Amino acid sequence: MGRITFRFEQKDLEPVTVEVFEGDTILDVCEDNDIHLNHNCGGVCGCSTCHVYVEKGEDLLPEMSDREEEYVDRARNPRYNSRLACQCRLEEDGDLEVIIPDQSGIVGHEH
């Protein structure tokens, strides 16, 4: 077990820290804890709406696949630490820090 601290680009949202278990994806944790993160494709690596920035704990996640990289490149404002939350499955216990980009300009489905 570990923890994820979510920080938000939207200034009116306070950071949230929740528990995460080995095998959970970042998207699973968002859905289980009522944290707003769009995911138009339903979490199957078919879009870029669940794009996040992994600030800490990247080593606890699998390497980015070619498919994920293709969709990250299509995300708004991708950075070196960009990932798709649906593809970030915790492989070992530890703590993560994740920034969720501003969701207000994304047309899509959420939890």
PDB file of N, CA and C in Angstrom:
ATOM      1  N   MET A   1       0.844  -1.182   0.000  1.00  0.00           N
ATOM      2  CA  MET A   1       0.000   0.000   0.000  1.00  0.00           C
ATOM      3  C   MET A   1       0.889   1.245   0.000  1.00  0.00           C
ATOM      4  N   GLY A   2       0.382   2.270  -0.617  1.00  0.00           N
ATOM      5  CA  GLY A   2       1.068   3.551  -0.650  1.00  0.00           C
ATOM      6  C   GLY A   2       0.051   4.672  -0.630  1.00  0.00           C
ATOM      7  N   ARG A   3       0.509   5.841  -1.018  1.00  0.00           N
ATOM      8  CA  ARG A   3      -0.378   6.994  -1.059  1.00  0.00           C
ATOM      9  C   ARG A   3      -0.131   7.768  -2.344  1.00  0.00           C
ATOM     10  N   ILE A   4      -1.180   8.392  -2.825  1.00  0.00           N
ATOM     11  CA  ILE A   4      -1.047   9.334  -3.933  1.00  0.00           C
ATOM     12  C   ILE A   4      -1.509  10.688  -3.432  1.00  0.00           C
ATOM     13  N   THR A   5      -0.678  11.682  -3.652  1.00  0.00           N
ATOM     14  CA  THR A   5      -1.090  13.057  -3.395  1.00  0.00           C
ATOM     15  C   THR A   5      -1.400  13.677  -4.742  1.00  0.00           C
ATOM     16  N   PHE A   6      -2.645  14.097  -4.891  1.00  0.00           N
ATOM     17  CA  PHE A   6      -3.080  14.774  -6.106  1.00  0.00           C
ATOM     18  C   PHE A   6      -3.035  16.272  -5.871  1.00  0.00           C
ATOM     19  N   ARG A   7      -2.390  16.966  -6.777  1.00  0.00           N
ATOM     20  CA  ARG A   7      -2.406  18.424  -6.806  1.00  0.00           C
ATOM     21  C   ARG A   7      -3.112  18.804  -8.104  1.00  0.00           C
ATOM     22  N   PHE A   8      -3.657  19.992  -8.142  1.00  0.00           N
ATOM     23  CA  PHE A   8      -4.497  20.394  -9.259  1.00  0.00           C
ATOM     24  C   PHE A   8      -4.037  21.717  -9.845  1.00  0.00           C
ATOM     25  N   GLU A   9      -4.055  21.805 -11.164  1.00  0.00           N
ATOM     26  CA  GLU A   9      -3.758  23.083 -11.814  1.00  0.00           C
ATOM     27  C   GLU A   9      -4.872  24.088 -11.557  1.00  0.00           C
ATOM     28  N   GLN A  10      -6.091  23.609 -11.358  1.00  0.00           N
ATOM     29  CA  GLN A  10      -7.204  24.506 -11.041  1.00  0.00           C
ATOM     30  C   GLN A  10      -6.967  25.064  -9.646  1.00  0.00           C
ATOM     31  N   LYS A  11      -6.846  26.368  -9.571  1.00  0.00           N
ATOM     32  CA  LYS A  11      -6.429  27.033  -8.327  1.00  0.00           C
ATOM     33  C   LYS A  11      -7.426  26.886  -7.186  1.00  0.00           C
ATOM     34  N   ASP A  12      -8.688  26.615  -7.474  1.00  0.00           N
ATOM     35  CA  ASP A  12      -9.693  26.528  -6.425  1.00  0.00           C
ATOM     36  C   ASP A  12      -9.764  25.145  -5.775  1.00  0.00           C
ATOM     37  N   LEU A  13      -8.901  24.216  -6.181  1.00  0.00           N
ATOM     38  CA  LEU A  13      -8.915  22.863  -5.627  1.00  0.00           C
ATOM     39  C   LEU A  13      -7.703  22.637  -4.727  1.00  0.00           C
ATOM     40  N   GLU A  14      -7.962  22.104  -3.554  1.00  0.00           N
ATOM     41  CA  GLU A  14      -6.911  21.796  -2.584  1.00  0.00           C
ATOM     42  C   GLU A  14      -6.317  20.417  -2.876  1.00  0.00           C
ATOM     43  N   PRO A  15      -5.047  20.192  -2.533  1.00  0.00           N
ATOM     44  CA  PRO A  15      -4.453  18.857  -2.712  1.00  0.00           C
ATOM     45  C   PRO A  15      -5.231  17.802  -1.927  1.00  0.00           C
ATOM     46  N   VAL A  16      -5.215  16.585  -2.462  1.00  0.00           N
ATOM     47  CA  VAL A  16      -5.899  15.451  -1.843  1.00  0.00           C
ATOM     48  C   VAL A  16      -4.906  14.300  -1.772  1.00  0.00           C
ATOM     49  N   THR A  17      -4.812  13.648  -0.609  1.00  0.00           N
ATOM     50  CA  THR A  17      -3.955  12.475  -0.456  1.00  0.00           C
ATOM     51  C   THR A  17      -4.833  11.285  -0.103  1.00  0.00           C
ATOM     52  N   VAL A  18      -4.661  10.197  -0.870  1.00  0.00           N
ATOM     53  CA  VAL A  18      -5.469   8.989  -0.669  1.00  0.00           C
ATOM     54  C   VAL A  18      -4.567   7.758  -0.738  1.00  0.00           C
ATOM     55  N   GLU A  19      -5.090   6.633  -0.242  1.00  0.00           N
ATOM     56  CA  GLU A  19      -4.350   5.381  -0.292  1.00  0.00           C
ATOM     57  C   GLU A  19      -4.416   4.783  -1.690  1.00  0.00           C
ATOM     58  N   VAL A  20      -3.352   4.066  -2.057  1.00  0.00           N
ATOM     59  CA  VAL A  20      -3.303   3.349  -3.324  1.00  0.00           C
ATOM     60  C   VAL A  20      -2.732   1.965  -3.035  1.00  0.00           C
ATOM     61  N   PHE A  21      -3.247   0.974  -3.742  1.00  0.00           N
ATOM     62  CA  PHE A  21      -2.795  -0.399  -3.550  1.00  0.00           C
ATOM     63  C   PHE A  21      -2.121  -0.909  -4.819  1.00  0.00           C
ATOM     64  N   GLU A  22      -1.166  -1.786  -4.636  1.00  0.00           N
ATOM     65  CA  GLU A  22      -0.483  -2.388  -5.770  1.00  0.00           C
ATOM     66  C   GLU A  22      -1.525  -2.956  -6.734  1.00  0.00           C
ATOM     67  N   GLY A  23      -1.380  -2.653  -8.019  1.00  0.00           N
ATOM     68  CA  GLY A  23      -2.321  -3.112  -9.038  1.00  0.00           C
ATOM     69  C   GLY A  23      -3.344  -2.071  -9.438  1.00  0.00           C
ATOM     70  N   ASP A  24      -3.540  -1.044  -8.612  1.00  0.00           N
ATOM     71  CA  ASP A  24      -4.460   0.049  -8.953  1.00  0.00           C
ATOM     72  C   ASP A  24      -3.820   0.964  -9.990  1.00  0.00           C
ATOM     73  N   THR A  25      -4.651   1.523 -10.869  1.00  0.00           N
ATOM     74  CA  THR A  25      -4.161   2.582 -11.744  1.00  0.00           C
ATOM     75  C   THR A  25      -4.485   3.929 -11.104  1.00  0.00           C
ATOM     76  N   ILE A  26      -3.804   4.953 -11.566  1.00  0.00           N
ATOM     77  CA  ILE A  26      -4.112   6.298 -11.082  1.00  0.00           C
ATOM     78  C   ILE A  26      -5.557   6.638 -11.405  1.00  0.00           C
ATOM     79  N   LEU A  27      -6.046   6.221 -12.569  1.00  0.00           N
ATOM     80  CA  LEU A  27      -7.445   6.468 -12.931  1.00  0.00           C
ATOM     81  C   LEU A  27      -8.391   5.744 -11.977  1.00  0.00           C
ATOM     82  N   ASP A  28      -8.084   4.484 -11.614  1.00  0.00           N
ATOM     83  CA  ASP A  28      -8.904   3.752 -10.637  1.00  0.00           C
ATOM     84  C   ASP A  28      -9.012   4.532  -9.336  1.00  0.00           C
ATOM     85  N   VAL A  29      -7.886   5.046  -8.875  1.00  0.00           N
ATOM     86  CA  VAL A  29      -7.857   5.772  -7.605  1.00  0.00           C
ATOM     87  C   VAL A  29      -8.713   7.037  -7.704  1.00  0.00           C
ATOM     88  N   CYS A  30      -8.632   7.734  -8.839  1.00  0.00           N
ATOM     89  CA  CYS A  30      -9.476   8.922  -9.027  1.00  0.00           C
ATOM     90  C   CYS A  30     -10.951   8.556  -8.946  1.00  0.00           C
ATOM     91  N   GLU A  31     -11.333   7.502  -9.656  1.00  0.00           N
ATOM     92  CA  GLU A  31     -12.740   7.095  -9.649  1.00  0.00           C
ATOM     93  C   GLU A  31     -13.197   6.665  -8.256  1.00  0.00           C
ATOM     94  N   ASP A  32     -12.358   5.903  -7.553  1.00  0.00           N
ATOM     95  CA  ASP A  32     -12.724   5.404  -6.226  1.00  0.00           C
ATOM     96  C   ASP A  32     -12.815   6.510  -5.173  1.00  0.00           C
ATOM     97  N   ASN A  33     -12.168   7.646  -5.436  1.00  0.00           N
ATOM     98  CA  ASN A  33     -12.123   8.722  -4.441  1.00  0.00           C
ATOM     99  C   ASN A  33     -12.784  10.005  -4.911  1.00  0.00           C
ATOM    100  N   ASP A  34     -13.608   9.902  -5.964  1.00  0.00           N
ATOM    101  CA  ASP A  34     -14.393  11.030  -6.455  1.00  0.00           C
ATOM    102  C   ASP A  34     -13.518  12.234  -6.828  1.00  0.00           C
ATOM    103  N   ILE A  35     -12.393  11.934  -7.488  1.00  0.00           N
ATOM    104  CA  ILE A  35     -11.488  12.975  -7.966  1.00  0.00           C
ATOM    105  C   ILE A  35     -11.735  13.149  -9.454  1.00  0.00           C
ATOM    106  N   HIS A  36     -12.063  14.354  -9.867  1.00  0.00           N
ATOM    107  CA  HIS A  36     -12.441  14.631 -11.252  1.00  0.00           C
ATOM    108  C   HIS A  36     -11.250  14.459 -12.195  1.00  0.00           C
ATOM    109  N   LEU A  37     -11.354  13.482 -13.103  1.00  0.00           N
ATOM    110  CA  LEU A  37     -10.381  13.280 -14.171  1.00  0.00           C
ATOM    111  C   LEU A  37     -11.128  12.686 -15.356  1.00  0.00           C
ATOM    112  N   ASN A  38     -11.195  13.424 -16.449  1.00  0.00           N
ATOM    113  CA  ASN A  38     -11.871  12.926 -17.645  1.00  0.00           C
ATOM    114  C   ASN A  38     -11.171  11.690 -18.186  1.00  0.00           C
ATOM    115  N   HIS A  39     -11.960  10.834 -18.835  1.00  0.00           N
ATOM    116  CA  HIS A  39     -11.416   9.631 -19.483  1.00  0.00           C
ATOM    117  C   HIS A  39     -12.408   9.158 -20.543  1.00  0.00           C
ATOM    118  N   ASN A  40     -12.337   9.815 -21.685  1.00  0.00           N
ATOM    119  CA  ASN A  40     -13.318   9.589 -22.750  1.00  0.00           C
ATOM    120  C   ASN A  40     -13.329   8.167 -23.292  1.00  0.00           C
ATOM    121  N   CYS A  41     -12.185   7.503 -23.346  1.00  0.00           N
ATOM    122  CA  CYS A  41     -12.140   6.166 -23.948  1.00  0.00           C
ATOM    123  C   CYS A  41     -12.483   5.070 -22.939  1.00  0.00           C
ATOM    124  N   GLY A  42     -12.736   5.446 -21.701  1.00  0.00           N
ATOM    125  CA  GLY A  42     -13.057   4.450 -20.685  1.00  0.00           C
ATOM    126  C   GLY A  42     -11.839   3.776 -20.074  1.00  0.00           C
ATOM    127  N   GLY A  43     -10.673   4.362 -20.282  1.00  0.00           N
ATOM    128  CA  GLY A  43      -9.468   3.837 -19.643  1.00  0.00           C
ATOM    129  C   GLY A  43      -8.781   2.729 -20.419  1.00  0.00           C
ATOM    130  N   VAL A  44      -8.857   2.771 -21.750  1.00  0.00           N
ATOM    131  CA  VAL A  44      -8.246   1.707 -22.560  1.00  0.00           C
ATOM    132  C   VAL A  44      -7.103   2.218 -23.443  1.00  0.00           C
ATOM    133  N   CYS A  45      -6.521   3.356 -23.108  1.00  0.00           N
ATOM    134  CA  CYS A  45      -5.411   3.940 -23.865  1.00  0.00           C
ATOM    135  C   CYS A  45      -5.836   4.227 -25.303  1.00  0.00           C
ATOM    136  N   GLY A  46      -6.994   4.884 -25.424  1.00  0.00           N
ATOM    137  CA  GLY A  46      -7.511   5.237 -26.737  1.00  0.00           C
ATOM    138  C   GLY A  46      -7.703   6.732 -26.915  1.00  0.00           C
ATOM    139  N   CYS A  47      -7.245   7.541 -25.963  1.00  0.00           N
ATOM    140  CA  CYS A  47      -7.354   8.996 -26.063  1.00  0.00           C
ATOM    141  C   CYS A  47      -6.313   9.603 -25.125  1.00  0.00           C
ATOM    142  N   SER A  48      -6.391  10.889 -24.910  1.00  0.00           N
ATOM    143  CA  SER A  48      -5.422  11.530 -24.004  1.00  0.00           C
ATOM    144  C   SER A  48      -6.099  12.330 -22.895  1.00  0.00           C
ATOM    145  N   THR A  49      -7.403  12.108 -22.673  1.00  0.00           N
ATOM    146  CA  THR A  49      -8.115  12.940 -21.706  1.00  0.00           C
ATOM    147  C   THR A  49      -7.763  12.648 -20.248  1.00  0.00           C
ATOM    148  N   CYS A  50      -7.156  11.503 -19.952  1.00  0.00           N
ATOM    149  CA  CYS A  50      -6.755  11.211 -18.564  1.00  0.00           C
ATOM    150  C   CYS A  50      -5.285  11.558 -18.332  1.00  0.00           C
ATOM    151  N   HIS A  51      -4.769  12.464 -19.131  1.00  0.00           N
ATOM    152  CA  HIS A  51      -3.384  12.916 -19.040  1.00  0.00           C
ATOM    153  C   HIS A  51      -3.109  13.549 -17.679  1.00  0.00           C
ATOM    154  N   VAL A  52      -2.003  13.139 -17.046  1.00  0.00           N
ATOM    155  CA  VAL A  52      -1.561  13.699 -15.768  1.00  0.00           C
ATOM    156  C   VAL A  52      -0.048  13.902 -15.814  1.00  0.00           C
ATOM    157  N   TYR A  53       0.471  14.606 -14.808  1.00  0.00           N
ATOM    158  CA  TYR A  53       1.906  14.778 -14.634  1.00  0.00           C
ATOM    159  C   TYR A  53       2.323  14.021 -13.381  1.00  0.00           C
ATOM    160  N   VAL A  54       3.232  13.059 -13.517  1.00  0.00           N
ATOM    161  CA  VAL A  54       3.727  12.301 -12.372  1.00  0.00           C
ATOM    162  C   VAL A  54       4.970  13.018 -11.849  1.00  0.00           C
ATOM    163  N   GLU A  55       4.818  13.649 -10.699  1.00  0.00           N
ATOM    164  CA  GLU A  55       5.884  14.449 -10.105  1.00  0.00           C
ATOM    165  C   GLU A  55       6.838  13.615  -9.253  1.00  0.00           C
ATOM    166  N   LYS A  56       6.324  12.531  -8.664  1.00  0.00           N
ATOM    167  CA  LYS A  56       7.126  11.679  -7.781  1.00  0.00           C
ATOM    168  C   LYS A  56       6.579  10.265  -7.872  1.00  0.00           C
ATOM    169  N   GLY A  57       7.480   9.287  -7.916  1.00  0.00           N
ATOM    170  CA  GLY A  57       7.067   7.888  -7.895  1.00  0.00           C
ATOM    171  C   GLY A  57       7.008   7.221  -9.258  1.00  0.00           C
ATOM    172  N   GLU A  58       7.567   7.844 -10.273  1.00  0.00           N
ATOM    173  CA  GLU A  58       7.558   7.272 -11.622  1.00  0.00           C
ATOM    174  C   GLU A  58       8.147   5.859 -11.629  1.00  0.00           C
ATOM    175  N   ASP A  59       9.117   5.599 -10.752  1.00  0.00           N
ATOM    176  CA  ASP A  59       9.758   4.288 -10.699  1.00  0.00           C
ATOM    177  C   ASP A  59       8.831   3.191 -10.176  1.00  0.00           C
ATOM    178  N   LEU A  60       7.682   3.558  -9.615  1.00  0.00           N
ATOM    179  CA  LEU A  60       6.701   2.579  -9.122  1.00  0.00           C
ATOM    180  C   LEU A  60       5.728   2.145 -10.212  1.00  0.00           C
ATOM    181  N   LEU A  61       5.846   2.764 -11.385  1.00  0.00           N
ATOM    182  CA  LEU A  61       4.919   2.546 -12.495  1.00  0.00           C
ATOM    183  C   LEU A  61       5.630   1.833 -13.645  1.00  0.00           C
ATOM    184  N   PRO A  62       4.862   1.163 -14.520  1.00  0.00           N
ATOM    185  CA  PRO A  62       5.495   0.530 -15.679  1.00  0.00           C
ATOM    186  C   PRO A  62       6.035   1.575 -16.639  1.00  0.00           C
ATOM    187  N   GLU A  63       6.967   1.159 -17.472  1.00  0.00           N
ATOM    188  CA  GLU A  63       7.469   2.059 -18.504  1.00  0.00           C
ATOM    189  C   GLU A  63       6.337   2.413 -19.459  1.00  0.00           C
ATOM    190  N   MET A  64       6.456   3.575 -20.067  1.00  0.00           N
ATOM    191  CA  MET A  64       5.454   4.023 -21.019  1.00  0.00           C
ATOM    192  C   MET A  64       5.549   3.170 -22.294  1.00  0.00           C
ATOM    193  N   SER A  65       4.421   2.662 -22.736  1.00  0.00           N
ATOM    194  CA  SER A  65       4.381   1.895 -23.982  1.00  0.00           C
ATOM    195  C   SER A  65       4.406   2.859 -25.170  1.00  0.00           C
ATOM    196  N   ASP A  66       4.682   2.321 -26.345  1.00  0.00           N
ATOM    197  CA  ASP A  66       4.662   3.142 -27.554  1.00  0.00           C
ATOM    198  C   ASP A  66       3.277   3.737 -27.778  1.00  0.00           C
ATOM    199  N   ARG A  67       2.249   2.942 -27.520  1.00  0.00           N
ATOM    200  CA  ARG A  67       0.871   3.434 -27.702  1.00  0.00           C
ATOM    201  C   ARG A  67       0.568   4.584 -26.751  1.00  0.00           C
ATOM    202  N   GLU A  68       0.935   4.430 -25.475  1.00  0.00           N
ATOM    203  CA  GLU A  68       0.706   5.510 -24.516  1.00  0.00           C
ATOM    204  C   GLU A  68       1.462   6.766 -24.947  1.00  0.00           C
ATOM    205  N   GLU A  69       2.704   6.594 -25.371  1.00  0.00           N
ATOM    206  CA  GLU A  69       3.498   7.738 -25.799  1.00  0.00           C
ATOM    207  C   GLU A  69       2.834   8.473 -26.975  1.00  0.00           C
ATOM    208  N   GLU A  70       2.245   7.713 -27.878  1.00  0.00           N
ATOM    209  CA  GLU A  70       1.544   8.306 -29.016  1.00  0.00           C
ATOM    210  C   GLU A  70       0.401   9.209 -28.544  1.00  0.00           C
ATOM    211  N   TYR A  71      -0.357   8.744 -27.564  1.00  0.00           N
ATOM    212  CA  TYR A  71      -1.477   9.546 -27.065  1.00  0.00           C
ATOM    213  C   TYR A  71      -1.015  10.688 -26.163  1.00  0.00           C
ATOM    214  N   VAL A  72       0.040  10.479 -25.402  1.00  0.00           N
ATOM    215  CA  VAL A  72       0.575  11.570 -24.579  1.00  0.00           C
ATOM    216  C   VAL A  72       1.014  12.720 -25.475  1.00  0.00           C
ATOM    217  N   ASP A  73       1.599  12.385 -26.615  1.00  0.00           N
ATOM    218  CA  ASP A  73       2.030  13.429 -27.559  1.00  0.00           C
ATOM    219  C   ASP A  73       0.855  14.270 -28.052  1.00  0.00           C
ATOM    220  N   ARG A  74      -0.357  13.724 -28.002  1.00  0.00           N
ATOM    221  CA  ARG A  74      -1.561  14.439 -28.438  1.00  0.00           C
ATOM    222  C   ARG A  74      -2.226  15.233 -27.311  1.00  0.00           C
ATOM    223  N   ALA A  75      -1.764  15.041 -26.093  1.00  0.00           N
ATOM    224  CA  ALA A  75      -2.367  15.710 -24.934  1.00  0.00           C
ATOM    225  C   ALA A  75      -2.081  17.208 -24.966  1.00  0.00           C
ATOM    226  N   ARG A  76      -2.907  17.947 -24.231  1.00  0.00           N
ATOM    227  CA  ARG A  76      -2.646  19.376 -24.085  1.00  0.00           C
ATOM    228  C   ARG A  76      -1.458  19.571 -23.162  1.00  0.00           C
ATOM    229  N   ASN A  77      -0.497  20.360 -23.586  1.00  0.00           N
ATOM    230  CA  ASN A  77       0.676  20.718 -22.782  1.00  0.00           C
ATOM    231  C   ASN A  77       1.442  19.517 -22.219  1.00  0.00           C
ATOM    232  N   PRO A  78       1.842  18.574 -23.068  1.00  0.00           N
ATOM    233  CA  PRO A  78       2.618  17.448 -22.540  1.00  0.00           C
ATOM    234  C   PRO A  78       3.989  17.910 -22.049  1.00  0.00           C
ATOM    235  N   ARG A  79       4.493  17.206 -21.032  1.00  0.00           N
ATOM    236  CA  ARG A  79       5.805  17.477 -20.449  1.00  0.00           C
ATOM    237  C   ARG A  79       6.582  16.173 -20.363  1.00  0.00           C
ATOM    238  N   TYR A  80       7.817  16.261 -19.922  1.00  0.00           N
ATOM    239  CA  TYR A  80       8.647  15.061 -19.803  1.00  0.00           C
ATOM    240  C   TYR A  80       8.048  14.045 -18.835  1.00  0.00           C
ATOM    241  N   ASN A  81       7.251  14.489 -17.862  1.00  0.00           N
ATOM    242  CA  ASN A  81       6.671  13.597 -16.862  1.00  0.00           C
ATOM    243  C   ASN A  81       5.194  13.302 -17.110  1.00  0.00           C
ATOM    244  N   SER A  82       4.728  13.542 -18.330  1.00  0.00           N
ATOM    245  CA  SER A  82       3.339  13.264 -18.690  1.00  0.00           C
ATOM    246  C   SER A  82       3.097  11.767 -18.798  1.00  0.00           C
ATOM    247  N   ARG A  83       1.944  11.343 -18.318  1.00  0.00           N
ATOM    248  CA  ARG A  83       1.497   9.951 -18.435  1.00  0.00           C
ATOM    249  C   ARG A  83      -0.015   9.953 -18.607  1.00  0.00           C
ATOM    250  N   LEU A  84      -0.550   8.812 -19.018  1.00  0.00           N
ATOM    251  CA  LEU A  84      -1.995   8.614 -19.032  1.00  0.00           C
ATOM    252  C   LEU A  84      -2.355   7.859 -17.763  1.00  0.00           C
ATOM    253  N   ALA A  85      -3.292   8.393 -17.005  1.00  0.00           N
ATOM    254  CA  ALA A  85      -3.646   7.795 -15.709  1.00  0.00           C
ATOM    255  C   ALA A  85      -4.146   6.369 -15.854  1.00  0.00           C
ATOM    256  N   CYS A  86      -4.771   6.046 -16.987  1.00  0.00           N
ATOM    257  CA  CYS A  86      -5.287   4.692 -17.189  1.00  0.00           C
ATOM    258  C   CYS A  86      -4.173   3.671 -17.380  1.00  0.00           C
ATOM    259  N   GLN A  87      -2.976   4.117 -17.716  1.00  0.00           N
ATOM    260  CA  GLN A  87      -1.845   3.221 -17.975  1.00  0.00           C
ATOM    261  C   GLN A  87      -0.856   3.164 -16.818  1.00  0.00           C
ATOM    262  N   CYS A  88      -1.080   3.956 -15.797  1.00  0.00           N
ATOM    263  CA  CYS A  88      -0.169   4.025 -14.654  1.00  0.00           C
ATOM    264  C   CYS A  88      -0.655   3.100 -13.548  1.00  0.00           C
ATOM    265  N   ARG A  89      -0.307   1.826 -13.662  1.00  0.00           N
ATOM    266  CA  ARG A  89      -0.691   0.806 -12.673  1.00  0.00           C
ATOM    267  C   ARG A  89       0.455   0.640 -11.677  1.00  0.00           C
ATOM    268  N   LEU A  90       0.161   0.837 -10.404  1.00  0.00           N
ATOM    269  CA  LEU A  90       1.178   0.744  -9.359  1.00  0.00           C
ATOM    270  C   LEU A  90       1.739  -0.676  -9.322  1.00  0.00           C
ATOM    271  N   GLU A  91       3.042  -0.807  -9.574  1.00  0.00           N
ATOM    272  CA  GLU A  91       3.684  -2.118  -9.613  1.00  0.00           C
ATOM    273  C   GLU A  91       4.273  -2.536  -8.276  1.00  0.00           C
ATOM    274  N   GLU A  92       4.507  -1.577  -7.404  1.00  0.00           N
ATOM    275  CA  GLU A  92       5.013  -1.876  -6.067  1.00  0.00           C
ATOM    276  C   GLU A  92       4.556  -0.775  -5.124  1.00  0.00           C
ATOM    277  N   ASP A  93       4.565  -1.090  -3.841  1.00  0.00           N
ATOM    278  CA  ASP A  93       4.109  -0.119  -2.852  1.00  0.00           C
ATOM    279  C   ASP A  93       5.024   1.087  -2.803  1.00  0.00           C
ATOM    280  N   GLY A  94       4.420   2.239  -2.583  1.00  0.00           N
ATOM    281  CA  GLY A  94       5.177   3.474  -2.461  1.00  0.00           C
ATOM    282  C   GLY A  94       4.268   4.669  -2.626  1.00  0.00           C
ATOM    283  N   ASP A  95       4.860   5.838  -2.576  1.00  0.00           N
ATOM    284  CA  ASP A  95       4.097   7.080  -2.642  1.00  0.00           C
ATOM    285  C   ASP A  95       4.299   7.771  -3.983  1.00  0.00           C
ATOM    286  N   LEU A  96       3.215   8.339  -4.470  1.00  0.00           N
ATOM    287  CA  LEU A  96       3.214   9.074  -5.730  1.00  0.00           C
ATOM    288  C   LEU A  96       2.727  10.494  -5.495  1.00  0.00           C
ATOM    289  N   GLU A  97       3.192  11.401  -6.324  1.00  0.00           N
ATOM    290  CA  GLU A  97       2.629  12.752  -6.382  1.00  0.00           C
ATOM    291  C   GLU A  97       2.252  12.999  -7.836  1.00  0.00           C
ATOM    292  N   VAL A  98       1.022  13.432  -8.049  1.00  0.00           N
ATOM    293  CA  VAL A  98       0.472  13.603  -9.387  1.00  0.00           C
ATOM    294  C   VAL A  98      -0.204  14.965  -9.484  1.00  0.00           C
ATOM    295  N   ILE A  99       0.034  15.642 -10.594  1.00  0.00           N
ATOM    296  CA  ILE A  99      -0.689  16.887 -10.876  1.00  0.00           C
ATOM    297  C   ILE A  99      -1.731  16.581 -11.940  1.00  0.00           C
ATOM    298  N   ILE A 100      -2.969  16.958 -11.658  1.00  0.00           N
ATOM    299  CA  ILE A 100      -4.050  16.815 -12.628  1.00  0.00           C
ATOM    300  C   ILE A 100      -4.205  18.144 -13.349  1.00  0.00           C
ATOM    301  N   PRO A 101      -4.025  18.129 -14.685  1.00  0.00           N
ATOM    302  CA  PRO A 101      -4.194  19.365 -15.452  1.00  0.00           C
ATOM    303  C   PRO A 101      -5.611  19.920 -15.309  1.00  0.00           C
ATOM    304  N   ASP A 102      -5.745  21.183 -15.606  1.00  0.00           N
ATOM    305  CA  ASP A 102      -7.052  21.847 -15.552  1.00  0.00           C
ATOM    306  C   ASP A 102      -8.046  21.082 -16.416  1.00  0.00           C
ATOM    307  N   GLN A 103      -9.099  20.584 -15.812  1.00  0.00           N
ATOM    308  CA  GLN A 103     -10.103  19.785 -16.509  1.00  0.00           C
ATOM    309  C   GLN A 103     -11.245  20.628 -17.074  1.00  0.00           C
ATOM    310  N   SER A 104     -11.266  21.913 -16.740  1.00  0.00           N
ATOM    311  CA  SER A 104     -12.417  22.747 -17.124  1.00  0.00           C
ATOM    312  C   SER A 104     -12.534  22.954 -18.627  1.00  0.00           C
ATOM    313  N   GLY A 105     -11.452  22.857 -19.370  1.00  0.00           N
ATOM    314  CA  GLY A 105     -11.510  23.067 -20.812  1.00  0.00           C
ATOM    315  C   GLY A 105     -11.610  21.791 -21.610  1.00  0.00           C
ATOM    316  N   ILE A 106     -11.739  20.639 -20.934  1.00  0.00           N
ATOM    317  CA  ILE A 106     -11.798  19.355 -21.609  1.00  0.00           C
ATOM    318  C   ILE A 106     -13.244  18.922 -21.719  1.00  0.00           C
ATOM    319  N   VAL A 107     -13.669  18.684 -22.946  1.00  0.00           N
ATOM    320  CA  VAL A 107     -15.008  18.141 -23.166  1.00  0.00           C
ATOM    321  C   VAL A 107     -14.894  16.640 -23.086  1.00  0.00           C
ATOM    322  N   GLY A 108     -15.597  16.057 -22.145  1.00  0.00           N
ATOM    323  CA  GLY A 108     -15.458  14.611 -22.028  1.00  0.00           C
ATOM    324  C   GLY A 108     -16.219  14.039 -20.869  1.00  0.00           C
ATOM    325  N   HIS A 109     -15.969  12.750 -20.675  1.00  0.00           N
ATOM    326  CA  HIS A 109     -16.635  11.987 -19.618  1.00  0.00           C
ATOM    327  C   HIS A 109     -15.736  11.957 -18.395  1.00  0.00           C
ATOM    328  N   GLU A 110     -16.363  11.964 -17.261  1.00  0.00           N
ATOM    329  CA  GLU A 110     -15.641  11.788 -16.015  1.00  0.00           C
ATOM    330  C   GLU A 110     -16.287  10.641 -15.268  1.00  0.00           C
ATOM    331  N   HIS A 111     -15.818  10.393 -14.080  1.00  0.00           N
ATOM    332  CA  HIS A 111     -16.345   9.274 -13.273  1.00  0.00           C
ATOM    333  C   HIS A 111     -17.796   9.462 -12.959  1.00  0.00           C
TER     334      HIS A 111
END
